[in-house]
Protein backbone atom coordinates (compact mmCIF):
# COMPACT_ATOMS: atom_id res chain seq x y z
CA MET A 1 100.71 91.27 125.63
CA LYS A 2 102.53 88.80 123.42
CA GLY A 3 100.83 87.39 120.37
CA SER A 4 100.09 83.78 119.68
CA LYS A 5 101.87 82.06 116.84
CA TYR A 6 98.85 81.10 114.75
CA ARG A 7 95.29 82.43 114.80
CA ARG A 8 92.53 83.43 112.42
CA LEU A 9 92.71 86.93 110.97
CA ARG A 10 89.62 88.95 111.86
CA SER A 11 87.82 90.60 108.95
CA ARG A 12 87.52 94.33 108.48
CA SER A 13 83.82 94.30 109.37
CA GLU A 14 84.53 92.36 112.58
CA LEU A 15 87.19 94.81 113.61
CA LEU A 16 84.94 97.81 112.98
CA LYS A 17 82.31 96.26 115.26
CA LEU A 18 84.95 95.67 117.95
CA TYR A 19 86.18 99.26 117.54
CA ARG A 20 82.85 100.56 118.89
CA SER A 21 84.02 99.32 122.30
CA CYS A 22 87.60 100.59 121.99
CA LEU A 23 88.81 102.85 124.79
CA TYR A 24 90.00 105.39 122.19
CA PHE A 25 86.99 105.19 119.87
CA ASP A 26 86.77 108.11 117.41
CA GLU A 27 83.44 108.63 115.64
CA ARG A 28 84.82 110.45 112.62
CA ARG A 29 87.58 107.88 112.13
CA TYR A 30 85.02 105.09 112.37
CA ASN A 31 82.77 106.67 109.74
CA GLU A 32 85.66 107.27 107.37
CA ALA A 33 86.83 103.66 107.75
CA MET A 34 83.27 102.42 107.17
CA ALA A 35 83.29 104.44 103.93
CA GLY A 36 86.44 102.56 102.84
CA ASP A 37 89.20 104.98 103.88
CA ASP A 38 92.31 102.82 104.48
CA MET A 39 94.31 105.46 106.37
CA SER A 40 91.47 105.83 108.88
CA PHE A 41 91.41 102.03 109.25
CA CYS A 42 95.17 102.13 109.84
CA ASP A 43 94.60 104.75 112.56
CA ILE A 44 91.94 102.54 114.13
CA GLY A 45 94.71 99.98 114.50
CA MET A 46 96.71 102.61 116.37
CA ASP A 47 93.73 103.25 118.68
CA PHE A 48 93.56 99.54 119.45
CA ALA A 49 97.31 99.52 120.16
CA ARG A 50 97.00 102.51 122.50
CA GLY A 51 94.48 100.48 124.48
CA ASN A 52 96.87 97.47 124.54
CA GLU A 53 94.51 95.51 122.25
CA TYR A 54 97.42 94.45 120.06
CA ASP A 55 95.69 91.46 118.43
CA TYR A 56 93.04 93.75 117.00
CA ALA A 57 95.66 96.32 115.97
CA VAL A 58 97.71 93.77 114.03
CA ASP A 59 94.59 92.42 112.35
CA CYS A 60 93.70 95.94 111.18
CA TRP A 61 97.09 96.38 109.57
CA LYS A 62 97.19 92.84 108.14
CA ASN A 63 93.84 93.50 106.43
CA ILE A 64 95.29 96.42 104.45
CA GLU A 65 98.92 95.27 104.19
CA HIS A 66 98.47 94.71 100.46
CA LYS A 67 97.54 98.38 99.97
CA ASP A 68 101.24 99.36 100.16
CA ILE A 69 100.81 101.99 102.92
CA ALA A 70 104.05 103.11 104.58
CA ALA A 71 102.52 103.58 108.05
CA VAL A 72 101.00 100.08 107.93
CA TYR A 73 104.34 98.50 107.16
CA ASN A 74 106.01 100.43 109.97
CA ASN A 75 103.29 99.49 112.47
CA LEU A 76 103.60 95.81 111.56
CA GLY A 77 107.36 96.13 111.94
CA VAL A 78 106.93 97.53 115.45
CA SER A 79 104.50 94.71 116.28
CA TYR A 80 106.98 92.03 115.24
CA PHE A 81 109.89 93.86 116.89
CA TYR A 82 108.23 93.89 120.32
CA GLY A 83 106.02 90.83 119.92
CA ASN A 84 102.81 92.81 120.31
CA GLY A 85 99.90 90.84 118.86
CA VAL A 86 102.27 88.48 117.01
CA GLU A 87 105.17 86.25 117.92
CA GLN A 88 108.34 88.35 118.24
CA ASN A 89 110.39 88.14 115.04
CA PHE A 90 113.19 90.65 114.43
CA GLU A 91 113.73 89.49 110.85
CA LYS A 92 110.11 90.19 109.94
CA ALA A 93 110.27 93.48 111.80
CA LEU A 94 113.24 94.65 109.73
CA GLU A 95 111.57 93.46 106.53
CA TYR A 96 108.51 95.62 107.28
CA TYR A 97 110.66 98.57 108.37
CA LYS A 98 112.52 98.44 105.06
CA ARG A 99 109.24 98.41 103.13
CA SER A 100 108.13 101.47 105.08
CA GLU A 101 111.50 103.14 104.49
CA ALA A 102 111.25 102.50 100.75
CA LEU A 103 107.96 104.45 100.73
CA GLY A 104 109.59 107.46 102.41
CA ASN A 105 108.28 106.98 105.96
CA ASP A 106 110.47 108.70 108.57
CA PHE A 107 109.64 106.13 111.27
CA GLY A 108 110.54 103.36 108.84
CA VAL A 109 113.95 104.95 108.29
CA TYR A 110 114.38 105.49 112.04
CA ASN A 111 113.49 101.89 112.90
CA VAL A 112 115.91 100.48 110.32
CA GLY A 113 118.51 102.53 112.19
CA VAL A 114 117.43 100.90 115.47
CA CYS A 115 118.00 97.46 113.97
CA TYR A 116 121.50 98.41 112.83
CA GLU A 117 122.32 99.95 116.21
CA GLN A 118 121.17 96.85 118.09
CA GLY A 119 122.36 94.32 115.50
CA VAL A 120 119.01 92.52 115.18
CA GLY A 121 116.85 91.35 112.31
CA GLY A 122 119.63 89.49 110.54
CA VAL A 123 122.01 92.45 110.27
CA LYS A 124 125.25 92.95 112.15
CA LYS A 125 125.58 95.75 114.67
CA ASP A 126 126.76 98.76 112.65
CA LEU A 127 126.77 102.12 114.42
CA GLU A 128 127.82 104.01 111.30
CA LYS A 129 124.85 102.71 109.30
CA ALA A 130 122.54 103.34 112.24
CA ILE A 131 123.65 106.95 112.48
CA GLN A 132 123.23 107.39 108.74
CA LYS A 133 119.60 106.25 109.05
CA TYR A 134 119.00 108.42 112.12
CA ARG A 135 120.38 111.46 110.30
CA ILE A 136 118.03 110.91 107.36
CA ALA A 137 115.06 110.40 109.69
CA ALA A 138 116.00 113.55 111.64
CA LYS A 139 116.13 115.54 108.42
CA MET A 140 112.64 114.26 107.68
CA GLY A 141 111.48 115.75 110.99
CA ASN A 142 111.51 112.62 113.18
CA ASN A 143 111.97 113.77 116.81
CA MET A 144 112.88 110.29 118.04
CA ALA A 145 115.84 110.27 115.65
CA VAL A 146 116.87 113.68 116.98
CA GLN A 147 116.84 112.37 120.54
CA VAL A 148 118.87 109.28 119.61
CA LEU A 149 121.46 111.42 117.83
CA ASN A 150 121.79 113.48 121.00
CA ARG A 151 122.26 110.31 123.04
CA LEU A 152 124.88 108.93 120.66
CA THR A 153 126.65 112.28 120.75
CA HIS A 154 127.23 111.97 124.47
CA GLU A 155 127.87 108.22 124.49
CA HIS A 156 130.35 108.13 121.61
CA ASN A 157 131.59 111.72 121.39
CA LEU A 158 129.97 112.18 117.97
CA SER A 159 129.75 115.95 117.96
CA ASN A 160 129.24 115.99 114.20
CA TYR A 161 125.78 114.47 114.69
CA TYR A 162 124.62 116.70 117.54
CA TYR A 163 121.13 118.11 117.23
CA ASP A 164 119.27 119.90 120.01
CA ASP A 165 115.57 120.53 119.50
CA THR A 166 115.01 122.01 122.94
CA ASP A 167 117.06 125.20 122.61
CA LYS A 168 117.15 126.35 119.01
CA GLN A 169 118.78 129.64 119.90
CA ASN A 170 121.94 127.77 120.91
CA GLN A 171 121.67 124.55 118.95
CA ASP A 172 124.20 123.28 116.48
CA GLY A 173 123.30 121.73 113.19
CA ILE A 174 123.44 118.14 112.07
CA TRP A 175 126.92 117.97 110.66
CA GLY A 176 128.22 115.88 107.81
CA GLY A 177 131.80 115.00 106.95
CA SER A 178 133.71 116.18 110.02
CA ARG A 179 133.37 117.07 113.68
CA TYR A 180 132.36 120.73 113.96
CA GLU A 181 130.01 122.90 115.99
CA ILE A 182 128.71 126.35 115.27
CA GLU A 183 130.90 129.19 116.49
CA ARG A 184 130.44 130.03 120.14
CA GLY A 185 132.39 131.63 122.97
CA THR A 186 134.34 133.97 120.67
CA ASN A 187 134.44 137.76 120.84
CA TYR A 188 132.49 137.84 117.59
CA ALA A 189 129.77 135.54 118.98
CA TYR A 190 129.26 137.82 121.99
CA LYS A 191 129.21 140.95 119.81
CA LEU A 192 126.63 139.33 117.50
CA LYS A 193 124.21 138.98 120.42
CA LYS A 194 124.12 142.80 120.66
CA CYS A 195 123.99 143.20 116.88
CA GLY A 196 121.01 144.11 114.70
CA PHE A 197 119.39 141.90 112.09
CA SER A 198 120.67 143.03 108.69
CA PHE A 199 123.70 142.44 106.53
CA GLU A 200 124.72 146.04 107.16
CA ASP A 201 125.01 145.24 110.88
CA ILE A 202 127.22 142.22 110.12
CA TYR A 203 129.33 144.32 107.78
CA ARG A 204 129.93 146.93 110.49
CA LEU A 205 131.28 144.27 112.88
CA SER A 206 133.96 143.31 110.35
CA VAL A 207 134.72 146.96 109.51
CA ASP A 208 135.25 147.70 113.21
CA PHE A 209 137.69 144.80 113.47
CA ILE A 210 139.69 145.65 110.34
CA ASN A 211 139.87 149.40 111.06
CA LYS A 212 141.76 148.68 114.27
CA LEU A 213 144.62 147.07 112.29
CA GLU A 214 147.71 148.77 110.93
CA ALA A 215 147.82 149.40 107.18
CA GLN A 216 150.51 146.73 106.71
CA GLU A 217 148.42 144.17 108.59
CA LYS A 218 145.42 144.94 106.38
CA ASP A 219 147.53 144.46 103.25
CA GLU A 220 148.90 141.16 104.52
CA LEU A 221 145.42 139.82 105.27
CA PHE A 222 144.11 140.91 101.88
CA GLU A 223 146.98 139.14 100.09
CA MET A 224 146.40 135.98 102.15
CA MET A 225 142.82 135.75 100.82
CA SER A 226 144.00 135.30 97.20
CA ARG A 227 141.03 137.38 95.98
CA GLY A 228 138.71 135.37 98.22
CA VAL A 229 138.99 132.07 96.32
CA ASP A 230 141.11 130.20 98.89
CA ILE A 231 139.55 128.50 101.91
CA LEU A 232 139.38 130.95 104.82
CA ASP A 233 140.94 129.37 107.88
CA SER A 234 141.22 132.08 110.53
CA GLU A 235 139.14 134.68 112.36
CA PRO A 236 140.99 137.68 110.82
CA LEU A 237 140.47 136.33 107.29
CA LEU A 238 136.72 135.97 107.88
CA ASN A 239 136.50 139.63 108.82
CA MET A 240 138.76 140.75 105.98
CA TYR A 241 136.56 138.91 103.45
CA ILE A 242 133.39 140.67 104.63
CA TYR A 243 135.27 143.97 104.77
CA SER A 244 136.67 143.60 101.24
CA TYR A 245 133.93 141.79 99.30
CA GLY A 246 130.82 141.88 101.47
CA LYS A 247 129.27 144.99 99.92
CA MET A 248 129.81 143.70 96.39
CA HIS A 249 128.28 140.28 97.10
CA SER A 250 125.31 141.71 98.96
CA ALA A 251 124.57 144.15 96.11
CA LYS A 252 124.45 141.30 93.59
CA LEU A 253 122.37 139.07 95.84
CA ASN A 254 119.92 141.83 96.71
CA TYR A 255 119.44 142.54 93.00
CA ALA A 256 118.94 138.84 92.24
CA PHE A 257 116.47 138.17 95.06
CA LYS A 258 114.22 140.94 93.72
CA LYS A 259 113.97 138.97 90.46
CA LEU A 260 112.62 135.83 92.11
CA PRO A 261 109.21 134.90 90.67
CA GLN A 262 106.11 135.74 92.66
CA GLU A 263 105.13 132.07 92.62
CA PHE A 264 108.09 131.32 94.90
CA ILE A 265 107.84 134.37 97.14
CA CYS A 266 104.22 133.43 97.88
CA LYS A 267 105.20 130.00 99.22
CA ASP A 268 104.24 129.66 102.88
CA GLU A 269 107.51 127.95 103.79
CA THR A 270 110.77 126.99 102.17
CA CYS A 271 114.19 125.48 102.70
CA LEU A 272 117.34 127.47 101.99
CA ILE A 273 120.32 125.52 100.64
CA ASP A 274 123.43 127.69 100.44
CA TYR A 275 126.22 126.03 98.43
CA GLY A 276 129.73 127.24 99.20
CA CYS A 277 127.98 129.36 101.79
CA GLY A 278 131.10 131.00 103.20
CA GLN A 279 129.87 132.96 106.19
CA GLY A 280 126.25 132.78 105.05
CA ILE A 281 126.00 136.06 103.15
CA GLY A 282 123.38 134.64 100.80
CA MET A 283 121.21 133.49 103.70
CA ILE A 284 121.57 136.86 105.50
CA CYS A 285 120.66 138.82 102.36
CA TYR A 286 117.59 136.64 101.85
CA HIS A 287 116.53 137.56 105.39
CA ASP A 288 116.96 141.25 104.46
CA PHE A 289 114.95 140.72 101.29
CA LEU A 290 112.00 139.09 103.08
CA ARG A 291 111.95 141.88 105.65
CA GLU A 292 112.18 144.59 102.98
CA ILE A 293 109.15 143.35 101.04
CA GLY A 294 107.19 142.43 104.17
CA CYS A 295 106.99 138.77 103.21
CA LYS A 296 105.79 136.30 105.86
CA GLN A 297 107.37 133.26 104.21
CA LYS A 298 108.80 130.90 106.84
CA VAL A 299 112.30 129.57 106.30
CA LYS A 300 111.74 126.21 107.92
CA LYS A 301 115.08 124.55 107.14
CA ILE A 302 118.56 125.76 106.27
CA ILE A 303 121.32 123.60 104.77
CA LEU A 304 124.74 125.24 104.75
CA ILE A 305 127.53 123.68 102.70
CA ASP A 306 131.18 124.73 102.78
CA PRO A 307 134.59 122.99 102.97
CA SER A 308 135.95 125.56 105.45
CA GLU A 309 135.54 124.81 109.15
CA PHE A 310 135.87 128.46 110.13
CA CYS A 311 133.36 129.66 107.53
CA LEU A 312 130.82 126.99 108.34
CA LYS A 313 130.96 127.65 112.08
CA ARG A 314 130.34 131.32 111.49
CA ALA A 315 127.62 130.70 108.92
CA GLY A 316 125.90 128.45 111.47
CA LEU A 317 126.17 131.21 114.07
CA HIS A 318 124.63 133.68 111.61
CA ALA A 319 121.84 131.21 110.83
CA ARG A 320 120.96 130.97 114.52
CA HIS A 321 120.96 134.78 114.74
CA PHE A 322 118.78 135.51 111.71
CA PHE A 323 116.59 132.38 111.58
CA PRO A 324 116.45 131.07 115.19
CA GLU A 325 113.41 128.85 114.53
CA ALA A 326 114.77 127.10 111.44
CA ASP A 327 116.15 123.57 111.54
CA LEU A 328 119.85 123.85 110.75
CA TYR A 329 121.99 121.35 108.84
CA CYS A 330 125.68 122.09 108.30
CA ILE A 331 127.60 120.00 105.77
CA CYS A 332 131.40 120.40 105.81
CA LYS A 333 132.21 118.93 102.40
CA THR A 334 133.41 119.87 98.95
CA PHE A 335 130.89 119.65 96.11
CA ASN A 336 132.60 116.53 94.77
CA ASN A 337 131.92 114.72 98.07
CA LEU A 338 128.27 115.70 98.48
CA THR A 339 125.62 112.98 98.38
CA SER A 340 121.91 113.26 97.62
CA SER A 341 121.07 112.40 101.25
CA ASP A 342 123.03 115.50 102.35
CA LEU A 343 120.58 117.62 100.36
CA PHE A 344 117.37 115.82 101.27
CA VAL A 345 114.86 118.35 102.59
CA GLY A 346 111.81 116.16 103.26
CA ASP A 347 108.24 117.35 103.83
CA ASN A 348 107.85 117.92 100.07
CA MET A 349 108.93 121.51 100.70
CA PRO A 350 110.15 123.88 97.94
CA SER A 351 113.81 124.82 98.18
CA LEU A 352 115.79 127.89 97.21
CA ASN A 353 119.27 126.80 96.14
CA ILE A 354 121.74 129.69 96.41
CA PHE A 355 125.02 129.66 94.50
CA SER A 356 126.99 132.83 95.25
CA ASN A 357 130.40 133.09 93.56
CA VAL A 358 130.96 129.33 93.36
CA LEU A 359 129.77 128.09 89.96
CA ASP A 360 132.46 130.12 88.19
CA MET A 361 135.14 127.96 89.86
CA ASP A 362 136.31 124.79 88.09
CA SER A 363 137.41 122.96 91.25
CA PHE A 364 134.57 120.43 91.02
CA ASP A 365 133.02 118.14 88.42
CA ILE A 366 129.86 119.94 87.37
CA ASN A 367 128.41 116.84 85.67
CA SER A 368 128.54 114.54 88.71
CA PHE A 369 127.53 117.42 90.99
CA THR A 370 124.44 118.01 88.85
CA GLU A 371 123.51 114.32 89.04
CA THR A 372 123.73 114.51 92.83
CA ILE A 373 121.23 117.39 92.87
CA LYS A 374 118.92 115.71 90.34
CA ASN A 375 118.67 112.60 92.53
CA VAL A 376 117.23 114.58 95.45
CA PRO A 377 113.45 113.92 95.45
CA ILE A 378 112.34 117.43 96.38
CA CYS A 379 109.13 118.78 94.91
CA GLU A 380 110.14 122.23 93.62
CA LYS A 381 113.74 123.43 93.35
CA TYR A 382 114.45 127.08 92.60
CA PHE A 383 118.01 128.09 91.78
CA LEU A 384 119.54 131.53 92.24
CA CYS A 385 123.08 131.71 90.85
CA VAL A 386 125.23 134.83 91.18
CA SER A 387 128.78 135.09 89.85
CA PRO A 388 131.14 137.77 88.56
CA TYR A 389 131.09 138.18 84.80
CA ILE A 390 134.58 137.10 83.75
CA ASN A 391 134.16 135.91 80.17
CA LYS A 392 131.78 133.99 77.93
CA ASP A 393 133.29 130.66 78.94
CA ILE A 394 132.35 131.19 82.59
CA SER A 395 128.86 132.34 81.60
CA TYR A 396 128.58 129.18 79.53
CA ARG A 397 129.38 127.16 82.67
CA LEU A 398 126.35 128.71 84.40
CA ASP A 399 124.17 127.94 81.39
CA SER A 400 125.50 124.39 81.26
CA PHE A 401 124.56 123.89 84.90
CA ALA A 402 120.96 124.90 84.15
CA ASN A 403 120.86 122.73 81.01
CA LEU A 404 122.20 119.68 82.84
CA LEU A 405 119.43 120.09 85.40
CA ASP A 406 116.81 120.27 82.60
CA ALA A 407 115.75 123.54 84.19
CA VAL A 408 113.21 126.15 83.17
CA ASP A 409 114.84 129.60 82.82
CA LEU A 410 113.18 132.36 84.84
CA TYR A 411 115.68 135.23 84.65
CA LYS A 412 119.06 135.97 83.11
CA TYR A 413 121.23 139.06 83.50
CA THR A 414 124.84 139.92 82.68
CA ALA A 415 126.57 143.21 83.47
CA SER A 416 130.15 144.29 82.75
CA ALA A 417 132.22 146.66 84.88
CA GLY A 418 130.51 150.01 85.38
CA SER A 419 127.12 148.92 84.03
CA PHE A 420 125.87 147.09 87.12
CA ILE A 421 126.39 149.89 89.65
CA LEU A 422 127.64 153.27 88.45
CA GLY A 423 131.08 154.13 89.75
CA LYS A 424 131.87 150.52 90.67
CA LYS A 425 133.99 148.04 88.72
CA TRP A 426 131.80 145.19 89.87
CA THR A 427 130.63 142.73 87.23
CA CYS A 428 127.61 140.50 87.54
CA ASP A 429 126.26 137.29 86.02
CA ILE A 430 122.88 136.12 87.33
CA ARG A 431 120.78 133.07 86.51
CA ILE A 432 117.44 132.16 88.11
CA PHE A 433 115.73 128.94 87.08
CA LYS A 434 113.64 126.10 88.47
CA THR A 435 113.38 122.37 87.98
CA GLU A 436 110.13 120.49 87.76
CA CYS A 437 109.13 118.10 90.50
CA LEU A 438 111.05 114.87 89.83
CA GLU A 439 108.32 112.86 91.47
CA ASN A 440 105.65 114.30 89.17
CA ILE A 441 107.79 113.73 86.07
CA TYR A 442 108.57 110.18 87.19
CA ASN A 443 104.94 109.36 87.97
CA SER A 444 103.78 110.77 84.64
CA ILE A 445 106.17 108.53 82.70
CA ILE A 446 105.44 105.50 84.89
CA GLU A 447 101.73 105.91 84.20
CA LYS A 448 102.46 105.71 80.47
CA ALA A 449 104.65 102.66 81.11
CA HIS A 450 101.80 100.89 82.94
CA ILE A 451 99.36 101.60 80.10
CA ALA A 452 101.84 100.30 77.53
CA GLU A 453 102.60 97.28 79.73
CA ALA A 454 98.91 96.33 79.90
CA LYS A 455 98.74 96.28 76.08
CA CYS A 456 102.06 94.45 75.96
CA ARG A 457 100.99 91.61 78.26
CA LYS A 458 97.86 90.94 76.21
CA GLU A 459 100.08 90.24 73.19
CA ILE A 460 102.76 88.03 74.78
CA GLY A 461 103.98 85.54 72.19
CA THR A 462 102.98 87.65 69.19
CA ILE A 463 104.77 90.13 66.93
CA MET A 464 102.65 92.94 68.37
CA GLY A 465 103.78 91.87 71.82
CA GLU A 466 107.40 92.48 70.84
CA ILE A 467 106.50 95.91 69.46
CA PHE A 468 104.62 96.86 72.61
CA LEU A 469 107.50 95.47 74.70
CA LYS A 470 109.93 97.91 73.15
CA GLU A 471 107.53 100.81 73.80
CA THR A 472 107.04 99.75 77.43
CA VAL A 473 110.76 99.31 78.05
CA ASP A 474 111.45 102.76 76.61
CA TYR A 475 108.98 104.33 79.06
CA TYR A 476 110.50 102.49 82.03
CA LEU A 477 114.01 103.56 81.06
CA GLN A 478 112.84 107.17 80.66
CA ALA A 479 111.34 107.06 84.16
CA LEU A 480 114.47 105.47 85.61
CA ASN A 481 116.57 108.19 84.03
CA VAL A 482 114.57 110.66 86.15
CA TYR A 483 114.56 108.67 89.39
CA GLN A 484 116.11 105.27 90.07
CA ASN A 485 113.19 103.56 91.79
CA PRO A 486 113.73 99.89 92.73
CA ASP A 487 110.06 99.10 91.98
CA ALA A 488 110.45 100.34 88.41
CA TYR A 489 113.50 98.13 87.91
CA TYR A 490 111.55 95.23 89.42
CA ASN A 491 108.53 95.74 87.15
CA LEU A 492 110.75 96.01 84.09
CA ALA A 493 112.55 92.81 85.06
CA ASN A 494 109.24 90.98 85.58
CA LEU A 495 108.16 92.02 82.11
CA TYR A 496 111.34 90.65 80.56
CA LYS A 497 110.92 87.45 82.60
CA ASP A 498 107.38 86.92 81.34
CA PHE A 499 108.66 87.41 77.78
CA GLU A 500 111.32 84.76 78.59
CA LYS A 501 114.14 87.22 78.05
CA TYR A 502 115.96 86.01 81.15
CA ASP A 503 119.31 87.76 80.73
CA GLU A 504 117.64 91.17 80.54
CA ALA A 505 115.38 90.26 83.47
CA ILE A 506 118.36 89.27 85.64
CA LYS A 507 120.11 92.53 84.76
CA TYR A 508 117.22 94.67 86.02
CA TYR A 509 116.50 92.49 89.05
CA GLN A 510 120.09 93.13 90.09
CA LYS A 511 119.68 96.88 89.60
CA SER A 512 116.66 96.78 91.89
CA LEU A 513 118.65 94.82 94.49
CA ASP A 514 121.50 97.32 94.27
CA ILE A 515 119.09 99.90 95.69
CA VAL A 516 117.24 97.77 98.25
CA GLU A 517 117.25 94.04 98.98
CA ASP A 518 113.89 92.29 98.67
CA ASN A 519 113.01 88.60 98.92
CA GLU A 520 110.55 88.70 95.99
CA VAL A 521 113.22 90.13 93.71
CA TYR A 522 115.66 87.39 94.70
CA CYS A 523 112.95 84.77 94.21
CA ASN A 524 112.09 85.94 90.68
CA MET A 525 115.74 86.28 89.75
CA GLY A 526 116.19 82.69 90.93
CA VAL A 527 113.36 81.61 88.62
CA CYS A 528 115.21 83.22 85.70
CA TYR A 529 118.41 81.32 86.51
CA TYR A 530 116.36 78.12 86.92
CA ASN A 531 114.84 78.59 83.46
CA LYS A 532 118.36 79.16 82.10
CA TYR A 533 119.30 75.75 83.60
CA ASP A 534 121.72 77.40 86.03
CA ASP A 535 120.53 75.63 89.18
CA ILE A 536 123.51 76.67 91.29
CA LYS A 537 122.84 80.40 90.87
CA ALA A 538 119.11 79.77 91.20
CA ILE A 539 119.66 78.16 94.60
CA GLU A 540 121.82 81.10 95.70
CA CYS A 541 118.96 83.48 94.86
CA PHE A 542 116.34 81.37 96.64
CA GLU A 543 118.58 81.16 99.71
CA LYS A 544 118.88 84.97 99.77
CA ALA A 545 115.11 85.29 99.44
CA ILE A 546 114.57 82.94 102.40
CA GLU A 547 117.22 84.77 104.41
CA LEU A 548 115.17 87.95 104.01
CA ASN A 549 111.82 86.23 104.62
CA LYS A 550 111.79 82.95 106.53
CA ASP A 551 108.14 82.40 105.49
CA ASP A 552 108.82 82.56 101.76
CA TYR A 553 107.29 79.15 100.93
CA ILE A 554 107.52 79.85 97.18
CA SER A 555 111.32 80.15 97.35
CA PHE A 556 111.49 76.94 99.43
CA PHE A 557 109.47 75.12 96.77
CA ASN A 558 111.54 76.54 93.89
CA MET A 559 114.77 75.68 95.66
CA GLY A 560 113.46 72.13 96.06
CA ASN A 561 113.04 71.92 92.29
CA ALA A 562 116.58 73.19 91.67
CA LEU A 563 118.06 70.78 94.23
CA HIS A 564 116.13 67.91 92.62
CA ASN A 565 117.68 68.80 89.24
CA LEU A 566 121.12 68.51 90.85
CA GLY A 567 120.28 65.07 92.28
CA ARG A 568 120.19 66.36 95.86
CA ASP A 569 116.83 64.72 96.56
CA GLU A 570 116.98 64.61 100.36
CA GLU A 571 117.60 68.35 100.55
CA ALA A 572 114.90 68.91 97.95
CA GLU A 573 112.38 66.93 100.05
CA GLU A 574 113.21 69.05 103.10
CA CYS A 575 112.48 72.19 101.08
CA TYR A 576 109.14 70.80 99.85
CA ILE A 577 108.12 69.96 103.43
CA MET A 578 109.10 73.44 104.65
CA SER A 579 107.16 75.05 101.81
CA GLU A 580 104.01 73.05 102.58
CA THR A 581 104.26 73.66 106.34
CA ILE A 582 104.68 77.42 105.97
CA ARG A 583 101.86 77.65 103.44
CA ASP A 584 99.47 75.73 105.69
CA ASN A 585 100.32 77.98 108.64
CA LEU A 586 99.93 81.15 106.59
CA ASP A 587 96.50 80.00 105.39
CA MET A 588 95.30 80.48 108.96
CA TYR A 589 95.82 84.20 108.52
CA GLU A 590 93.70 84.47 105.39
CA PRO A 591 90.57 86.61 105.96
CA PRO A 592 87.27 84.73 105.58
CA PHE A 593 85.29 85.23 102.38
């Protein structure tokens, strides 16, 4: 059913009465909505939609649109996209999808991808951007995104994006950076099927392979590894690495895992992120650790990161062997090329970040790498770092990593040759630490900013107002240093605008736009340029605002004023007429008092 262009918006009470006759009426949902629960009222809209009563569904969501609920924005986007209960409007659909995406809704992210794939809503067809959105949505657990990635894989030969949710035993991961699949069809892959489920079993496979070689061949392979620091690029080198260094690495990891705090071990589920994973020794040893202590923790997601194709394929194979039910993401990149979206876990799930014999290497910029990790909005991040003890400078690099992350130290241990394991020359440097939830830190500071802002606005135009302004700005900048939220930039810019500090306001409006485009931001930035008597730039901003929202009558009116200042009166009059027409039509949607 297609929606009419203009009609009166039904009130919440009217809709609740109509819901009593809905085909999918739910008593509990009705009672919760009657008590004022907005999410239940949103779900009532979904019940109406399921019964093809789209007018009622849209009215439900329009009634609570101002509540800033991600699902509401997405549902309105779907309504405008398909013309269900409203006149079809792809531009409005994309606008609502983007609002939903900004609030972290997986369907919002997915639907923005749909718009880019189809080239609708005022954006050009862009398969690369569409896939980027689908990948993010898939990482957030959106099954529709998974299915689309599978379709695109077959249509465009995009094997790096393949994801199969129907057969996890044989699925590949979602791949970033290059076109790879997990190892399959090799002698090793077939042997692994008959193998047990411990690192010792994996070690024996490599020992069996190496022991069949001549002494000279063993020496040649060992030399080719360059002490294990070079990228491994062949099957024999993978086996030689496990044969030569596997026991040492597993001993250090096993020791470190036993020092994890009980608060983490007791988590019901987690995500493993193995940086420079190699063949996945860290992941395998964590499996051994959970089994040894009888822990029922579920490893729900695994992200494997390594620049070596051969290592990553084998690590993926090992992941499927030891954690067949986990969602697998394989990222074939160097640390310098990682992005925060590569590391996004979703579901607000705690993560265990494993660094085994990688932080001691200086092949990457630790400062920018740390910023990448800090910008990942995951609730709790635990870090387990294991390296050889080489000298104090290398140990300092591990400490610097923790300091740059503003981490809380949980455990620290350093052992020289002979003191870690008697009779062995192995050295060991272990750090375990955690970072606080970025979202909680951000919200705590933002709450202080809002309190300061309330005091500040009461004193606009006074000396105290200027004092409170500085305090408020400091809080906003502290919050933005934790997490660059476009809304925080927008609020800060609005504050500067109201204090008539237009240059500062424009600066922060632009920072908000650099993250996500929004018509209200463009409109307010245009007002700043207008008040600076720069009518040309003001008009450019108002035009961008209207491009994003064709019903932005305020921007039409403001653009009319700017055009009038430039003596372009006929164009100004057209803008005034458009503003009045849109406003009159929108008034028909206002709920009755």
